């Protein structure tokens, strides 16, 4: 587009295009922007003239986007965010901020992180709202398009280059059992552990998790060979089953006292001097690195983690990164 043609561009057209792309319907897009269906139809006509493309083709009760519209849809989030940041006041006041952030947390992370984070934000940013999910489709794509703001998860083996990773934890997995389990207080092998039924927690991208250990780790081999008698994506269900049976639960680091389950469940020492370790990371798209509201929440999450580590006499995140020579 010639620079002289920019005078034709009304930013409201881009907002309308985003609504049309996401809703797939003129009427729903109009409702979303609180305008009439007739006004939205006229706006669609202006968009078609501006981009010299039909943009949407009617199909049934909705519409499907043309390739040109899909291309614009991939560019829109960054363009609109840049405009928002350009027009936003330079000063950010969490006490008056109104908005929502969407987080993706592996279930066991939410058990201890969310209560502490909510309590911290309640007084600092009383109008900040959080949505904490445990599973979404295509999480990295949702970071890219702004539907997700942060992910907290066990580190995976690979990430897209446009994501920022920050270490928030570093701990071995656990082997959970009920108090009074026949293996409690005994040295045992993985072969003996296989003699007991297992619970498996279903975690998205489990096969892609990066274990900071030798690939020939006996823990990893055990996880691969153990046939679970129960598979569930409900963490509390897994814990309740373990607390009432002789089932074993190879589990992510939970910090049992924080999850308030230590009265019924214990962590057995991993057999054979196992040294397998998981790193936990907070992930966000680089496009929000300069967003003041995102930076505020990012720092609050890190502070909650540091306070928790201090309370449990664990090294601070800064010390952890230094001692382990972590790049992030």
C-alpha atoms as a PDB file:
ATOM      1  CA  UNK A   1       0.000   0.000   0.000  1.00  0.00           C
ATOM      2  CA  UNK A   2       1.310   3.440  -0.970  1.00  0.00           C
ATOM      3  CA  UNK A   3       1.888   5.698   2.030  1.00  0.00           C
ATOM      4  CA  UNK A   4      -0.651   8.125   0.560  1.00  0.00           C
ATOM      5  CA  UNK A   5      -3.292   5.400   0.695  1.00  0.00           C
ATOM      6  CA  UNK A   6      -2.976   5.097   4.459  1.00  0.00           C
ATOM      7  CA  UNK A   7      -5.398   7.991   4.685  1.00  0.00           C
ATOM      8  CA  UNK A   8      -8.072   5.522   3.608  1.00  0.00           C
ATOM      9  CA  UNK A   9      -7.343   3.256   6.557  1.00  0.00           C
ATOM     10  CA  UNK A  10      -9.705   3.430   9.506  1.00  0.00           C
ATOM     11  CA  UNK A  11      -8.362   1.445  12.471  1.00  0.00           C
ATOM     12  CA  UNK A  12     -11.920   0.436  13.281  1.00  0.00           C
ATOM     13  CA  UNK A  13     -11.845  -1.595  10.074  1.00  0.00           C
ATOM     14  CA  UNK A  14      -9.057  -3.769  11.482  1.00  0.00           C
ATOM     15  CA  UNK A  15     -10.970  -4.276  14.725  1.00  0.00           C
ATOM     16  CA  UNK A  16     -14.015  -5.297  12.690  1.00  0.00           C
ATOM     17  CA  UNK A  17     -11.905  -7.652  10.564  1.00  0.00           C
ATOM     18  CA  UNK A  18     -10.599  -9.366  13.700  1.00  0.00           C
ATOM     19  CA  UNK A  19     -14.173  -9.827  14.963  1.00  0.00           C
ATOM     20  CA  UNK A  20     -15.323 -11.214  11.604  1.00  0.00           C
ATOM     21  CA  UNK A  21     -12.408 -13.653  11.477  1.00  0.00           C
ATOM     22  CA  UNK A  22     -13.006 -14.925  14.996  1.00  0.00           C
ATOM     23  CA  UNK A  23     -16.810 -15.054  14.867  1.00  0.00           C
ATOM     24  CA  UNK A  24     -17.250 -16.257  11.261  1.00  0.00           C
ATOM     25  CA  UNK A  25     -20.569 -14.415  11.125  1.00  0.00           C
ATOM     26  CA  UNK A  26     -21.614 -10.831  10.334  1.00  0.00           C
ATOM     27  CA  UNK A  27     -24.347 -10.876  12.981  1.00  0.00           C
ATOM     28  CA  UNK A  28     -22.138 -12.279  15.742  1.00  0.00           C
ATOM     29  CA  UNK A  29     -19.322  -9.876  14.865  1.00  0.00           C
ATOM     30  CA  UNK A  30     -21.825  -7.002  14.999  1.00  0.00           C
ATOM     31  CA  UNK A  31     -23.072  -8.127  18.417  1.00  0.00           C
ATOM     32  CA  UNK A  32     -19.499  -8.375  19.680  1.00  0.00           C
ATOM     33  CA  UNK A  33     -18.733  -4.779  18.649  1.00  0.00           C
ATOM     34  CA  UNK A  34     -22.153  -3.454  19.742  1.00  0.00           C
ATOM     35  CA  UNK A  35     -23.129  -2.240  16.267  1.00  0.00           C
ATOM     36  CA  UNK A  36     -26.000  -3.171  13.962  1.00  0.00           C
ATOM     37  CA  UNK A  37     -25.768  -5.998  11.458  1.00  0.00           C
ATOM     38  CA  UNK A  38     -26.314  -3.452   8.684  1.00  0.00           C
ATOM     39  CA  UNK A  39     -23.356  -1.374   9.883  1.00  0.00           C
ATOM     40  CA  UNK A  40     -21.151  -4.467  10.016  1.00  0.00           C
ATOM     41  CA  UNK A  41     -22.200  -5.428   6.472  1.00  0.00           C
ATOM     42  CA  UNK A  42     -21.177  -1.964   5.260  1.00  0.00           C
ATOM     43  CA  UNK A  43     -17.877  -2.318   7.125  1.00  0.00           C
ATOM     44  CA  UNK A  44     -17.263  -5.652   5.407  1.00  0.00           C
ATOM     45  CA  UNK A  45     -17.855  -3.915   2.081  1.00  0.00           C
ATOM     46  CA  UNK A  46     -15.241  -1.294   2.955  1.00  0.00           C
ATOM     47  CA  UNK A  47     -12.794  -4.028   3.947  1.00  0.00           C
ATOM     48  CA  UNK A  48     -13.329  -5.782   0.626  1.00  0.00           C
ATOM     49  CA  UNK A  49     -12.611  -2.526  -1.219  1.00  0.00           C
ATOM     50  CA  UNK A  50      -9.553  -1.810   0.924  1.00  0.00           C
ATOM     51  CA  UNK A  51      -7.945  -5.210   0.386  1.00  0.00           C
ATOM     52  CA  UNK A  52      -9.383  -5.846  -3.086  1.00  0.00           C
ATOM     53  CA  UNK A  53     -10.534  -9.312  -2.014  1.00  0.00           C
ATOM     54  CA  UNK A  54     -13.892 -10.881  -1.040  1.00  0.00           C
ATOM     55  CA  UNK A  55     -12.299 -11.879   2.322  1.00  0.00           C
ATOM     56  CA  UNK A  56     -15.263 -14.122   3.273  1.00  0.00           C
ATOM     57  CA  UNK A  57     -17.445 -16.534   1.323  1.00  0.00           C
ATOM     58  CA  UNK A  58     -20.892 -17.415   2.631  1.00  0.00           C
ATOM     59  CA  UNK A  59     -21.308 -21.052   3.714  1.00  0.00           C
ATOM     60  CA  UNK A  60     -24.505 -22.184   5.365  1.00  0.00           C
ATOM     61  CA  UNK A  61     -25.353 -19.838   8.231  1.00  0.00           C
ATOM     62  CA  UNK A  62     -21.768 -18.587   8.501  1.00  0.00           C
ATOM     63  CA  UNK A  63     -18.790 -17.579   6.410  1.00  0.00           C
ATOM     64  CA  UNK A  64     -15.394 -19.009   5.556  1.00  0.00           C
ATOM     65  CA  UNK A  65     -12.305 -16.853   5.157  1.00  0.00           C
ATOM     66  CA  UNK A  66     -10.409 -16.550   1.881  1.00  0.00           C
ATOM     67  CA  UNK A  67      -6.638 -17.174   1.858  1.00  0.00           C
ATOM     68  CA  UNK A  68      -6.109 -13.398   1.876  1.00  0.00           C
ATOM     69  CA  UNK A  69      -8.284 -13.038   4.980  1.00  0.00           C
ATOM     70  CA  UNK A  70      -6.416 -15.883   6.694  1.00  0.00           C
ATOM     71  CA  UNK A  71      -3.106 -14.146   5.944  1.00  0.00           C
ATOM     72  CA  UNK A  72      -4.429 -10.898   7.415  1.00  0.00           C
ATOM     73  CA  UNK A  73      -5.672 -12.824  10.445  1.00  0.00           C
ATOM     74  CA  UNK A  74      -2.157 -14.019  11.180  1.00  0.00           C
ATOM     75  CA  UNK A  75      -0.849 -10.451  11.054  1.00  0.00           C
ATOM     76  CA  UNK A  76      -3.666  -8.728  12.923  1.00  0.00           C
ATOM     77  CA  UNK A  77      -2.812  -9.658  16.559  1.00  0.00           C
ATOM     78  CA  UNK A  78       0.642  -8.081  16.343  1.00  0.00           C
ATOM     79  CA  UNK A  79      -0.659  -5.034  14.447  1.00  0.00           C
ATOM     80  CA  UNK A  80      -3.493  -4.378  16.897  1.00  0.00           C
ATOM     81  CA  UNK A  81      -1.270  -4.984  19.911  1.00  0.00           C
ATOM     82  CA  UNK A  82       1.265  -2.499  18.538  1.00  0.00           C
ATOM     83  CA  UNK A  83      -1.482   0.086  18.066  1.00  0.00           C
ATOM     84  CA  UNK A  84      -2.797  -0.541  21.577  1.00  0.00           C
ATOM     85  CA  UNK A  85       0.670  -0.125  23.053  1.00  0.00           C
ATOM     86  CA  UNK A  86       1.269   3.021  21.002  1.00  0.00           C
ATOM     87  CA  UNK A  87      -1.970   4.595  22.209  1.00  0.00           C
ATOM     88  CA  UNK A  88      -1.808   3.331  25.787  1.00  0.00           C
ATOM     89  CA  UNK A  89      -0.674   5.661  28.567  1.00  0.00           C
ATOM     90  CA  UNK A  90       2.991   5.282  29.428  1.00  0.00           C
ATOM     91  CA  UNK A  91       2.230   4.758  33.109  1.00  0.00           C
ATOM     92  CA  UNK A  92       0.719   1.513  34.340  1.00  0.00           C
ATOM     93  CA  UNK A  93      -1.141   1.404  37.639  1.00  0.00           C
ATOM     94  CA  UNK A  94      -2.066  -2.129  38.761  1.00  0.00           C
ATOM     95  CA  UNK A  95      -4.473  -0.721  41.349  1.00  0.00           C
ATOM     96  CA  UNK A  96      -6.717   0.659  38.595  1.00  0.00           C
ATOM     97  CA  UNK A  97      -5.965  -1.840  35.827  1.00  0.00           C
ATOM     98  CA  UNK A  98      -9.012  -3.670  34.469  1.00  0.00           C
ATOM     99  CA  UNK A  99      -8.392  -6.750  32.351  1.00  0.00           C
ATOM    100  CA  UNK A 100      -8.064 -10.516  32.136  1.00  0.00           C
ATOM    101  CA  UNK A 101      -5.088 -12.814  31.653  1.00  0.00           C
ATOM    102  CA  UNK A 102      -5.379 -16.403  30.474  1.00  0.00           C
ATOM    103  CA  UNK A 103      -2.968 -18.939  31.958  1.00  0.00           C
ATOM    104  CA  UNK A 104      -2.301 -22.563  31.064  1.00  0.00           C
ATOM    105  CA  UNK A 105      -1.069 -24.499  34.090  1.00  0.00           C
ATOM    106  CA  UNK A 106      -0.331 -28.181  34.454  1.00  0.00           C
ATOM    107  CA  UNK A 107      -2.794 -29.290  37.120  1.00  0.00           C
ATOM    108  CA  UNK A 108      -0.288 -29.836  39.906  1.00  0.00           C
ATOM    109  CA  UNK A 109       1.161 -26.342  39.377  1.00  0.00           C
ATOM    110  CA  UNK A 110      -2.181 -24.714  40.035  1.00  0.00           C
ATOM    111  CA  UNK A 111      -2.520 -26.465  43.402  1.00  0.00           C
ATOM    112  CA  UNK A 112       0.063 -24.241  45.053  1.00  0.00           C
ATOM    113  CA  UNK A 113       0.641 -21.375  42.606  1.00  0.00           C
ATOM    114  CA  UNK A 114      -2.892 -20.084  42.113  1.00  0.00           C
ATOM    115  CA  UNK A 115      -3.940 -19.582  45.766  1.00  0.00           C
ATOM    116  CA  UNK A 116      -0.744 -17.633  46.471  1.00  0.00           C
ATOM    117  CA  UNK A 117      -0.965 -15.603  43.267  1.00  0.00           C
ATOM    118  CA  UNK A 118      -4.638 -14.737  43.779  1.00  0.00           C
ATOM    119  CA  UNK A 119      -3.954 -13.627  47.346  1.00  0.00           C
ATOM    120  CA  UNK A 120      -1.090 -11.406  46.178  1.00  0.00           C
ATOM    121  CA  UNK A 121      -3.094  -9.834  43.356  1.00  0.00           C
ATOM    122  CA  UNK A 122      -6.222  -9.311  45.448  1.00  0.00           C
ATOM    123  CA  UNK A 123      -4.803  -6.170  47.052  1.00  0.00           C
ATOM    124  CA  UNK A 124      -2.288  -5.095  44.394  1.00  0.00           C
ATOM    125  CA  UNK A 125      -4.580  -5.370  41.349  1.00  0.00           C
ATOM    126  CA  UNK A 126      -8.141  -5.955  42.583  1.00  0.00           C
ATOM    127  CA  UNK A 127      -9.717  -5.653  39.115  1.00  0.00           C
ATOM    128  CA  UNK A 128      -7.277  -8.006  37.385  1.00  0.00           C
ATOM    129  CA  UNK A 129      -9.005 -11.262  36.451  1.00  0.00           C
ATOM    130  CA  UNK A 130      -7.358 -14.617  35.814  1.00  0.00           C
ATOM    131  CA  UNK A 131      -8.483 -17.626  33.813  1.00  0.00           C
ATOM    132  CA  UNK A 132      -6.443 -20.720  34.729  1.00  0.00           C
ATOM    133  CA  UNK A 133      -6.842 -23.670  32.360  1.00  0.00           C
ATOM    134  CA  UNK A 134      -5.213 -27.105  32.431  1.00  0.00           C
ATOM    135  CA  UNK A 135      -5.649 -28.028  28.768  1.00  0.00           C
ATOM    136  CA  UNK A 136      -6.107 -26.197  25.461  1.00  0.00           C
ATOM    137  CA  UNK A 137      -5.587 -27.092  21.815  1.00  0.00           C
ATOM    138  CA  UNK A 138      -2.416 -25.777  20.147  1.00  0.00           C
ATOM    139  CA  UNK A 139      -1.136 -23.821  23.171  1.00  0.00           C
ATOM    140  CA  UNK A 140       1.814 -22.237  21.362  1.00  0.00           C
ATOM    141  CA  UNK A 141      -0.484 -20.969  18.619  1.00  0.00           C
ATOM    142  CA  UNK A 142      -2.747 -19.534  21.310  1.00  0.00           C
ATOM    143  CA  UNK A 143       0.237 -17.699  22.799  1.00  0.00           C
ATOM    144  CA  UNK A 144       0.933 -16.353  19.331  1.00  0.00           C
ATOM    145  CA  UNK A 145      -2.600 -15.087  18.730  1.00  0.00           C
ATOM    146  CA  UNK A 146      -3.094 -13.715  22.236  1.00  0.00           C
ATOM    147  CA  UNK A 147      -5.699 -16.195  23.456  1.00  0.00           C
ATOM    148  CA  UNK A 148      -3.160 -17.358  26.052  1.00  0.00           C
ATOM    149  CA  UNK A 149      -0.837 -15.052  27.970  1.00  0.00           C
ATOM    150  CA  UNK A 150       1.385 -17.421  29.959  1.00  0.00           C
ATOM    151  CA  UNK A 151       2.038 -21.157  30.226  1.00  0.00           C
ATOM    152  CA  UNK A 152       3.619 -22.758  33.304  1.00  0.00           C
ATOM    153  CA  UNK A 153       4.708 -26.328  32.601  1.00  0.00           C
ATOM    154  CA  UNK A 154       7.423 -28.936  32.797  1.00  0.00           C
ATOM    155  CA  UNK A 155      10.016 -27.938  30.213  1.00  0.00           C
ATOM    156  CA  UNK A 156       9.575 -29.572  26.827  1.00  0.00           C
ATOM    157  CA  UNK A 157      12.380 -30.667  24.537  1.00  0.00           C
ATOM    158  CA  UNK A 158      11.806 -27.875  22.001  1.00  0.00           C
ATOM    159  CA  UNK A 159       9.994 -24.538  21.698  1.00  0.00           C
ATOM    160  CA  UNK A 160       9.344 -22.100  18.841  1.00  0.00           C
ATOM    161  CA  UNK A 161      12.006 -19.398  18.598  1.00  0.00           C
ATOM    162  CA  UNK A 162       9.544 -16.557  19.241  1.00  0.00           C
ATOM    163  CA  UNK A 163       8.718 -17.705  22.787  1.00  0.00           C
ATOM    164  CA  UNK A 164      10.435 -16.546  25.987  1.00  0.00           C
ATOM    165  CA  UNK A 165      11.197 -19.165  28.654  1.00  0.00           C
ATOM    166  CA  UNK A 166      11.863 -18.386  32.318  1.00  0.00           C
ATOM    167  CA  UNK A 167      12.811 -21.040  34.879  1.00  0.00           C
ATOM    168  CA  UNK A 168      10.385 -21.224  37.814  1.00  0.00           C
ATOM    169  CA  UNK A 169      11.366 -24.550  39.351  1.00  0.00           C
ATOM    170  CA  UNK A 170      13.785 -27.419  39.287  1.00  0.00           C
ATOM    171  CA  UNK A 171      12.874 -30.639  41.083  1.00  0.00           C
ATOM    172  CA  UNK A 172      12.807 -34.440  40.828  1.00  0.00           C
ATOM    173  CA  UNK A 173       9.567 -36.309  40.171  1.00  0.00           C
ATOM    174  CA  UNK A 174       7.980 -38.239  43.012  1.00  0.00           C
ATOM    175  CA  UNK A 175       6.766 -41.771  43.592  1.00  0.00           C
ATOM    176  CA  UNK A 176       3.658 -41.364  45.723  1.00  0.00           C
ATOM    177  CA  UNK A 177       2.109 -44.029  47.945  1.00  0.00           C
ATOM    178  CA  UNK A 178      -0.262 -44.160  50.892  1.00  0.00           C
ATOM    179  CA  UNK A 179       1.032 -43.998  54.424  1.00  0.00           C
ATOM    180  CA  UNK A 180       1.615 -47.556  55.596  1.00  0.00           C
ATOM    181  CA  UNK A 181       2.267 -48.846  52.078  1.00  0.00           C
ATOM    182  CA  UNK A 182       4.274 -52.118  52.088  1.00  0.00           C
ATOM    183  CA  UNK A 183       7.230 -50.293  50.454  1.00  0.00           C
ATOM    184  CA  UNK A 184       7.339 -47.477  53.017  1.00  0.00           C
ATOM    185  CA  UNK A 185      10.685 -47.358  54.824  1.00  0.00           C
ATOM    186  CA  UNK A 186      12.217 -50.069  52.630  1.00  0.00           C
ATOM    187  CA  UNK A 187      14.811 -50.087  49.897  1.00  0.00           C
ATOM    188  CA  UNK A 188      13.298 -51.460  46.717  1.00  0.00           C
ATOM    189  CA  UNK A 189      13.968 -51.773  43.011  1.00  0.00           C
ATOM    190  CA  UNK A 190      11.892 -50.647  40.064  1.00  0.00           C
ATOM    191  CA  UNK A 191      11.119 -54.303  39.395  1.00  0.00           C
ATOM    192  CA  UNK A 192       9.581 -54.565  42.871  1.00  0.00           C
ATOM    193  CA  UNK A 193       7.667 -51.343  42.279  1.00  0.00           C
ATOM    194  CA  UNK A 194       6.207 -52.878  39.132  1.00  0.00           C
ATOM    195  CA  UNK A 195       4.617 -55.515  41.351  1.00  0.00           C
ATOM    196  CA  UNK A 196       2.090 -52.909  42.505  1.00  0.00           C
ATOM    197  CA  UNK A 197      -0.653 -51.363  40.367  1.00  0.00           C
ATOM    198  CA  UNK A 198       0.066 -47.876  39.073  1.00  0.00           C
ATOM    199  CA  UNK A 199      -1.843 -44.660  38.499  1.00  0.00           C
ATOM    200  CA  UNK A 200      -0.820 -42.596  35.473  1.00  0.00           C
ATOM    201  CA  UNK A 201      -1.580 -38.889  35.321  1.00  0.00           C
ATOM    202  CA  UNK A 202      -2.465 -37.932  31.757  1.00  0.00           C
ATOM    203  CA  UNK A 203      -0.455 -34.810  30.901  1.00  0.00           C
ATOM    204  CA  UNK A 204      -0.494 -33.113  27.511  1.00  0.00           C
ATOM    205  CA  UNK A 205       2.791 -33.533  25.597  1.00  0.00           C
ATOM    206  CA  UNK A 206       4.077 -36.014  28.203  1.00  0.00           C
ATOM    207  CA  UNK A 207       6.277 -37.682  25.586  1.00  0.00           C
ATOM    208  CA  UNK A 208       7.887 -34.309  24.813  1.00  0.00           C
ATOM    209  CA  UNK A 209       8.902 -33.440  28.387  1.00  0.00           C
ATOM    210  CA  UNK A 210      12.612 -32.801  28.809  1.00  0.00           C
ATOM    211  CA  UNK A 211      14.023 -34.909  31.653  1.00  0.00           C
ATOM    212  CA  UNK A 212      17.344 -33.434  32.776  1.00  0.00           C
ATOM    213  CA  UNK A 213      19.086 -36.787  33.048  1.00  0.00           C
ATOM    214  CA  UNK A 214      20.577 -39.590  31.014  1.00  0.00           C
ATOM    215  CA  UNK A 215      18.101 -40.912  28.444  1.00  0.00           C
ATOM    216  CA  UNK A 216      18.790 -44.386  29.871  1.00  0.00           C
ATOM    217  CA  UNK A 217      17.388 -43.305  33.239  1.00  0.00           C
ATOM    218  CA  UNK A 218      15.714 -46.165  35.082  1.00  0.00           C
ATOM    219  CA  UNK A 219      12.854 -43.801  35.996  1.00  0.00           C
ATOM    220  CA  UNK A 220      12.140 -43.118  32.322  1.00  0.00           C
ATOM    221  CA  UNK A 221      12.362 -46.828  31.512  1.00  0.00           C
ATOM    222  CA  UNK A 222       9.996 -47.558  34.388  1.00  0.00           C
ATOM    223  CA  UNK A 223       7.497 -44.968  33.143  1.00  0.00           C
ATOM    224  CA  UNK A 224       7.664 -46.558  29.692  1.00  0.00           C
ATOM    225  CA  UNK A 225       7.143 -50.146  30.882  1.00  0.00           C
ATOM    226  CA  UNK A 226       4.656 -49.711  33.726  1.00  0.00           C
ATOM    227  CA  UNK A 227       1.131 -50.533  32.537  1.00  0.00           C
ATOM    228  CA  UNK A 228      -1.232 -48.309  34.520  1.00  0.00           C
ATOM    229  CA  UNK A 229      -4.318 -49.792  36.116  1.00  0.00           C
ATOM    230  CA  UNK A 230      -5.801 -46.284  36.122  1.00  0.00           C
ATOM    231  CA  UNK A 231      -5.200 -43.396  33.713  1.00  0.00           C
ATOM    232  CA  UNK A 232      -6.724 -40.041  34.644  1.00  0.00           C
ATOM    233  CA  UNK A 233      -6.182 -36.364  33.938  1.00  0.00           C
ATOM    234  CA  UNK A 234      -7.655 -35.511  37.352  1.00  0.00           C
ATOM    235  CA  UNK A 235      -4.824 -34.992  39.823  1.00  0.00           C
ATOM    236  CA  UNK A 236      -7.026 -35.145  42.917  1.00  0.00           C
ATOM    237  CA  UNK A 237      -8.617 -38.379  41.669  1.00  0.00           C
ATOM    238  CA  UNK A 238      -5.163 -39.934  41.343  1.00  0.00           C
ATOM    239  CA  UNK A 239      -4.220 -38.798  44.841  1.00  0.00           C
ATOM    240  CA  UNK A 240      -7.436 -40.141  46.375  1.00  0.00           C
ATOM    241  CA  UNK A 241      -6.956 -43.545  44.723  1.00  0.00           C
ATOM    242  CA  UNK A 242      -3.374 -43.740  45.997  1.00  0.00           C
ATOM    243  CA  UNK A 243      -4.370 -42.707  49.520  1.00  0.00           C
ATOM    244  CA  UNK A 244      -6.876 -45.580  49.808  1.00  0.00           C
ATOM    245  CA  UNK A 245      -5.072 -48.404  47.971  1.00  0.00           C
ATOM    246  CA  UNK A 246      -1.629 -49.918  47.384  1.00  0.00           C
ATOM    247  CA  UNK A 247      -1.405 -48.175  44.001  1.00  0.00           C
ATOM    248  CA  UNK A 248       1.809 -46.273  43.229  1.00  0.00           C
ATOM    249  CA  UNK A 249       1.754 -42.900  41.495  1.00  0.00           C
ATOM    250  CA  UNK A 250       4.858 -41.710  39.571  1.00  0.00           C
ATOM    251  CA  UNK A 251       4.007 -38.043  39.911  1.00  0.00           C
ATOM    252  CA  UNK A 252       5.275 -34.572  39.121  1.00  0.00           C
ATOM    253  CA  UNK A 253       6.855 -32.595  41.985  1.00  0.00           C
ATOM    254  CA  UNK A 254       3.972 -31.579  44.221  1.00  0.00           C
ATOM    255  CA  UNK A 255       5.455 -30.347  47.501  1.00  0.00           C
ATOM    256  CA  UNK A 256       3.006 -32.441  49.475  1.00  0.00           C
ATOM    257  CA  UNK A 257       2.545 -30.160  52.455  1.00  0.00           C
ATOM    258  CA  UNK A 258       1.437 -27.308  50.192  1.00  0.00           C
ATOM    259  CA  UNK A 259      -1.088 -29.511  48.411  1.00  0.00           C
ATOM    260  CA  UNK A 260      -2.401 -30.460  51.885  1.00  0.00           C
ATOM    261  CA  UNK A 261      -2.315 -34.194  51.214  1.00  0.00           C
ATOM    262  CA  UNK A 262       0.666 -35.205  53.349  1.00  0.00           C
ATOM    263  CA  UNK A 263      -1.602 -36.659  56.042  1.00  0.00           C
ATOM    264  CA  UNK A 264      -2.562 -39.508  53.710  1.00  0.00           C
ATOM    265  CA  UNK A 265       0.175 -39.707  51.053  1.00  0.00           C
ATOM    266  CA  UNK A 266       3.975 -39.955  51.208  1.00  0.00           C
ATOM    267  CA  UNK A 267       6.757 -39.713  48.650  1.00  0.00           C
ATOM    268  CA  UNK A 268       8.856 -42.867  48.443  1.00  0.00           C
ATOM    269  CA  UNK A 269      12.551 -42.370  47.640  1.00  0.00           C
ATOM    270  CA  UNK A 270      13.239 -43.220  43.999  1.00  0.00           C
ATOM    271  CA  UNK A 271      15.040 -46.566  43.696  1.00  0.00           C
ATOM    272  CA  UNK A 272      18.650 -47.041  42.667  1.00  0.00           C
ATOM    273  CA  UNK A 273      19.791 -43.520  43.530  1.00  0.00           C
ATOM    274  CA  UNK A 274      17.808 -42.047  40.641  1.00  0.00           C
ATOM    275  CA  UNK A 275      18.838 -38.461  39.797  1.00  0.00           C
ATOM    276  CA  UNK A 276      16.207 -37.597  37.183  1.00  0.00           C
ATOM    277  CA  UNK A 277      15.095 -33.953  37.363  1.00  0.00           C
ATOM    278  CA  UNK A 278      12.399 -31.800  35.804  1.00  0.00           C
ATOM    279  CA  UNK A 279      12.720 -28.099  35.094  1.00  0.00           C
ATOM    280  CA  UNK A 280       9.569 -25.992  35.222  1.00  0.00           C
ATOM    281  CA  UNK A 281       9.298 -22.944  33.009  1.00  0.00           C
ATOM    282  CA  UNK A 282       6.996 -19.995  32.437  1.00  0.00           C
ATOM    283  CA  UNK A 283       6.436 -19.409  28.723  1.00  0.00           C
ATOM    284  CA  UNK A 284       5.149 -16.327  26.934  1.00  0.00           C
ATOM    285  CA  UNK A 285       5.278 -14.912  23.424  1.00  0.00           C
ATOM    286  CA  UNK A 286       7.953 -12.293  22.869  1.00  0.00           C
ATOM    287  CA  UNK A 287       5.357  -9.884  21.519  1.00  0.00           C
ATOM    288  CA  UNK A 288       4.136  -9.181  25.083  1.00  0.00           C
ATOM    289  CA  UNK A 289       7.598  -8.637  26.561  1.00  0.00           C
ATOM    290  CA  UNK A 290       7.109  -4.859  26.370  1.00  0.00           C
ATOM    291  CA  UNK A 291       3.495  -4.872  27.565  1.00  0.00           C
ATOM    292  CA  UNK A 292       3.327  -3.231  31.002  1.00  0.00           C
ATOM    293  CA  UNK A 293       0.342  -5.307  32.231  1.00  0.00           C
ATOM    294  CA  UNK A 294       1.995  -8.534  31.069  1.00  0.00           C
ATOM    295  CA  UNK A 295       5.283  -7.527  32.660  1.00  0.00           C
ATOM    296  CA  UNK A 296       3.459  -6.835  35.926  1.00  0.00           C
ATOM    297  CA  UNK A 297       1.860 -10.297  36.040  1.00  0.00           C
ATOM    298  CA  UNK A 298       5.110 -11.930  34.898  1.00  0.00           C
ATOM    299  CA  UNK A 299       6.944 -10.359  37.839  1.00  0.00           C
ATOM    300  CA  UNK A 300       4.206 -11.251  40.321  1.00  0.00           C
ATOM    301  CA  UNK A 301       4.355 -14.910  39.296  1.00  0.00           C
ATOM    302  CA  UNK A 302       8.136 -14.920  39.747  1.00  0.00           C
ATOM    303  CA  UNK A 303       7.796 -13.228  43.134  1.00  0.00           C
ATOM    304  CA  UNK A 304       5.209 -15.770  44.295  1.00  0.00           C
ATOM    305  CA  UNK A 305       7.549 -18.578  43.243  1.00  0.00           C
ATOM    306  CA  UNK A 306      10.491 -16.970  45.048  1.00  0.00           C
ATOM    307  CA  UNK A 307       8.454 -16.399  48.223  1.00  0.00           C
ATOM    308  CA  UNK A 308       7.303 -20.011  48.128  1.00  0.00           C
ATOM    309  CA  UNK A 309      10.855 -21.272  47.648  1.00  0.00           C
ATOM    310  CA  UNK A 310      12.071 -19.123  50.541  1.00  0.00           C
ATOM    311  CA  UNK A 311       9.297 -20.423  52.817  1.00  0.00           C
ATOM    312  CA  UNK A 312      10.293 -23.994  51.970  1.00  0.00           C
ATOM    313  CA  UNK A 313      14.020 -23.235  52.418  1.00  0.00           C
ATOM    314  CA  UNK A 314      14.813 -23.690  48.754  1.00  0.00           C
ATOM    315  CA  UNK A 315      17.331 -21.587  46.771  1.00  0.00           C
ATOM    316  CA  UNK A 316      15.999 -18.428  45.145  1.00  0.00           C
ATOM    317  CA  UNK A 317      15.405 -18.459  41.405  1.00  0.00           C
ATOM    318  CA  UNK A 318      18.379 -16.129  40.871  1.00  0.00           C
ATOM    319  CA  UNK A 319      20.656 -18.433  42.863  1.00  0.00           C
ATOM    320  CA  UNK A 320      19.224 -21.471  41.085  1.00  0.00           C
ATOM    321  CA  UNK A 321      19.992 -19.985  37.660  1.00  0.00           C
ATOM    322  CA  UNK A 322      23.503 -19.047  38.776  1.00  0.00           C
ATOM    323  CA  UNK A 323      24.356 -22.400  40.375  1.00  0.00           C
ATOM    324  CA  UNK A 324      22.915 -24.446  37.518  1.00  0.00           C
ATOM    325  CA  UNK A 325      24.279 -22.026  34.879  1.00  0.00           C
ATOM    326  CA  UNK A 326      20.837 -21.830  33.342  1.00  0.00           C
ATOM    327  CA  UNK A 327      20.369 -19.710  30.232  1.00  0.00           C
ATOM    328  CA  UNK A 328      16.848 -18.693  31.303  1.00  0.00           C
END
